[in-house]
């Protein structure tokens, strides 16, 4: 039996949370969305209550950066994957500096998310796909 990675989706837009949860289910890669939150406060409560190892975050910088810092402070082992409109912009760098494991381009999320999740769970061998990092991933062995 394949191990299950439990995920919390944090986004203001309910449509985005639902669409992302459905996409993860379609991947059939062992990801289970165990919680959804629209605010940082709700996300912190869910992480504490559910002990989830991965957080997918789509909040504006003024809310999201503080949430990433607080997750890092309370639960340094939780993987945080931030989703932004322009990861190469200063926001991508700010999310990385705050402690996000990866910063993905919202417009390329379908392509980038599987590798970012695999990297966050240790199942990826060729590097993190991070749209905020201009370096190419390492070559496969």
Protein backbone atom coordinates (compact mmCIF):
# COMPACT_ATOMS: atom_id res chain seq x y z
CA UNK A 1 0.00 0.00 0.00
CA UNK A 2 1.29 3.42 -1.00
CA UNK A 3 1.94 5.91 1.83
CA UNK A 4 -0.49 8.82 2.01
CA UNK A 5 0.70 12.41 2.30
CA UNK A 6 -1.81 14.54 4.16
CA UNK A 7 -2.19 18.11 2.86
CA UNK A 8 -3.76 21.37 4.00
CA UNK A 9 -4.84 23.80 1.28
CA UNK A 10 -4.89 27.46 2.32
CA UNK A 11 -6.47 29.93 -0.10
CA UNK A 12 -9.01 32.72 0.16
CA UNK A 13 -10.90 31.55 -2.93
CA UNK A 14 -13.09 28.52 -2.27
CA UNK A 15 -13.04 27.73 -5.99
CA UNK A 16 -9.24 27.46 -5.93
CA UNK A 17 -9.29 25.20 -2.83
CA UNK A 18 -11.86 22.88 -4.41
CA UNK A 19 -10.12 22.80 -7.79
CA UNK A 20 -6.75 22.07 -6.20
CA UNK A 21 -8.20 19.29 -4.05
CA UNK A 22 -9.79 17.69 -7.13
CA UNK A 23 -6.56 17.97 -9.08
CA UNK A 24 -4.62 16.27 -6.28
CA UNK A 25 -7.16 13.45 -6.22
CA UNK A 26 -6.80 13.01 -10.00
CA UNK A 27 -3.04 12.66 -9.65
CA UNK A 28 -3.65 9.41 -7.77
CA UNK A 29 -0.20 9.80 -6.20
CA UNK A 30 -1.03 9.26 -2.55
CA UNK A 31 -2.04 12.81 -1.63
CA UNK A 32 -4.99 13.34 0.67
CA UNK A 33 -6.42 16.79 1.29
CA UNK A 34 -7.32 16.68 4.97
CA UNK A 35 -8.17 20.31 5.47
CA UNK A 36 -8.96 23.57 3.75
CA UNK A 37 -8.60 27.04 5.22
CA UNK A 38 -9.40 30.52 3.92
CA UNK A 39 -7.27 32.43 6.45
CA UNK A 40 -3.92 32.13 8.15
CA UNK A 41 -5.59 31.85 11.55
CA UNK A 42 -7.73 28.92 10.41
CA UNK A 43 -4.68 27.31 8.81
CA UNK A 44 -2.69 27.46 12.06
CA UNK A 45 -5.57 25.87 13.94
CA UNK A 46 -5.86 23.09 11.35
CA UNK A 47 -2.12 22.37 11.36
CA UNK A 48 -2.13 22.13 15.15
CA UNK A 49 -5.25 19.95 15.26
CA UNK A 50 -4.54 17.68 12.30
CA UNK A 51 -0.72 17.54 12.37
CA UNK A 52 -0.50 17.87 8.59
CA UNK A 53 2.97 17.62 7.01
CA UNK A 54 2.33 19.70 3.86
CA UNK A 55 0.69 23.10 3.38
CA UNK A 56 -0.23 24.45 -0.07
CA UNK A 57 -0.57 28.19 0.32
CA UNK A 58 -2.23 30.71 -1.99
CA UNK A 59 -2.62 33.90 0.03
CA UNK A 60 -1.57 37.47 -0.77
CA UNK A 61 1.89 38.39 0.48
CA UNK A 62 0.60 40.57 3.31
CA UNK A 63 -1.18 37.51 4.81
CA UNK A 64 0.89 34.66 3.45
CA UNK A 65 4.36 35.79 4.53
CA UNK A 66 3.35 36.02 8.18
CA UNK A 67 1.71 32.61 7.96
CA UNK A 68 4.84 31.02 6.47
CA UNK A 69 6.99 32.55 9.23
CA UNK A 70 4.61 31.30 11.93
CA UNK A 71 4.50 27.79 10.48
CA UNK A 72 8.32 27.76 10.41
CA UNK A 73 8.43 28.94 14.02
CA UNK A 74 5.91 26.41 15.35
CA UNK A 75 6.41 23.45 13.03
CA UNK A 76 9.78 23.62 11.28
CA UNK A 77 9.24 20.20 9.68
CA UNK A 78 6.05 21.15 7.86
CA UNK A 79 6.61 21.63 4.13
CA UNK A 80 5.15 24.87 2.79
CA UNK A 81 4.56 25.30 -0.93
CA UNK A 82 3.55 28.85 -1.86
CA UNK A 83 1.62 29.61 -5.03
CA UNK A 84 2.05 33.12 -6.45
CA UNK A 85 1.17 35.02 -9.62
CA UNK A 86 4.76 36.04 -10.38
CA UNK A 87 7.29 33.84 -8.57
CA UNK A 88 10.23 35.58 -10.24
CA UNK A 89 9.00 38.86 -8.77
CA UNK A 90 9.98 40.05 -5.32
CA UNK A 91 7.06 38.11 -3.79
CA UNK A 92 8.58 34.78 -4.77
CA UNK A 93 11.86 35.75 -3.11
CA UNK A 94 9.99 37.01 -0.05
CA UNK A 95 8.12 33.72 0.37
CA UNK A 96 11.39 31.79 0.07
CA UNK A 97 13.06 34.10 2.60
CA UNK A 98 10.12 33.58 4.97
CA UNK A 99 10.75 29.83 4.83
CA UNK A 100 8.61 28.40 2.01
CA UNK A 101 10.07 25.16 0.65
CA UNK A 102 8.97 26.05 -2.88
CA UNK A 103 7.33 28.95 -4.65
CA UNK A 104 5.28 27.95 -7.70
CA UNK A 105 3.81 29.96 -10.54
CA UNK A 106 0.01 29.91 -10.29
CA UNK A 107 -0.19 29.89 -14.11
CA UNK A 108 1.98 26.75 -14.37
CA UNK A 109 0.73 25.02 -11.24
CA UNK A 110 -0.49 21.88 -12.99
CA UNK A 111 2.98 21.28 -14.42
CA UNK A 112 4.98 22.25 -11.31
CA UNK A 113 2.95 20.93 -8.40
CA UNK A 114 3.59 17.17 -8.73
CA UNK A 115 7.37 17.59 -8.56
CA UNK A 116 7.17 20.18 -5.78
CA UNK A 117 4.99 17.86 -3.68
CA UNK A 118 7.27 14.91 -4.37
CA UNK A 119 10.28 17.00 -3.34
CA UNK A 120 8.52 18.16 -0.19
CA UNK A 121 7.84 14.55 0.76
CA UNK A 122 11.29 13.28 -0.21
CA UNK A 123 10.14 11.26 -3.19
CA UNK A 124 11.76 13.33 -5.93
CA UNK A 125 15.28 12.60 -7.13
CA UNK A 126 16.12 15.40 -9.56
CA UNK A 127 15.45 18.58 -7.57
CA UNK A 128 12.66 20.92 -6.57
CA UNK A 129 10.70 22.63 -9.28
CA UNK A 130 10.63 26.16 -8.00
CA UNK A 131 9.60 28.92 -10.36
CA UNK A 132 11.27 31.48 -8.09
CA UNK A 133 14.64 29.76 -8.54
CA UNK A 134 16.09 30.46 -12.00
CA UNK A 135 18.54 27.55 -11.77
CA UNK A 136 17.54 24.39 -13.64
CA UNK A 137 16.98 21.28 -11.53
CA UNK A 138 19.94 18.91 -11.28
CA UNK A 139 20.26 16.35 -14.03
CA UNK A 140 18.83 12.92 -13.35
CA UNK A 141 21.43 10.23 -12.56
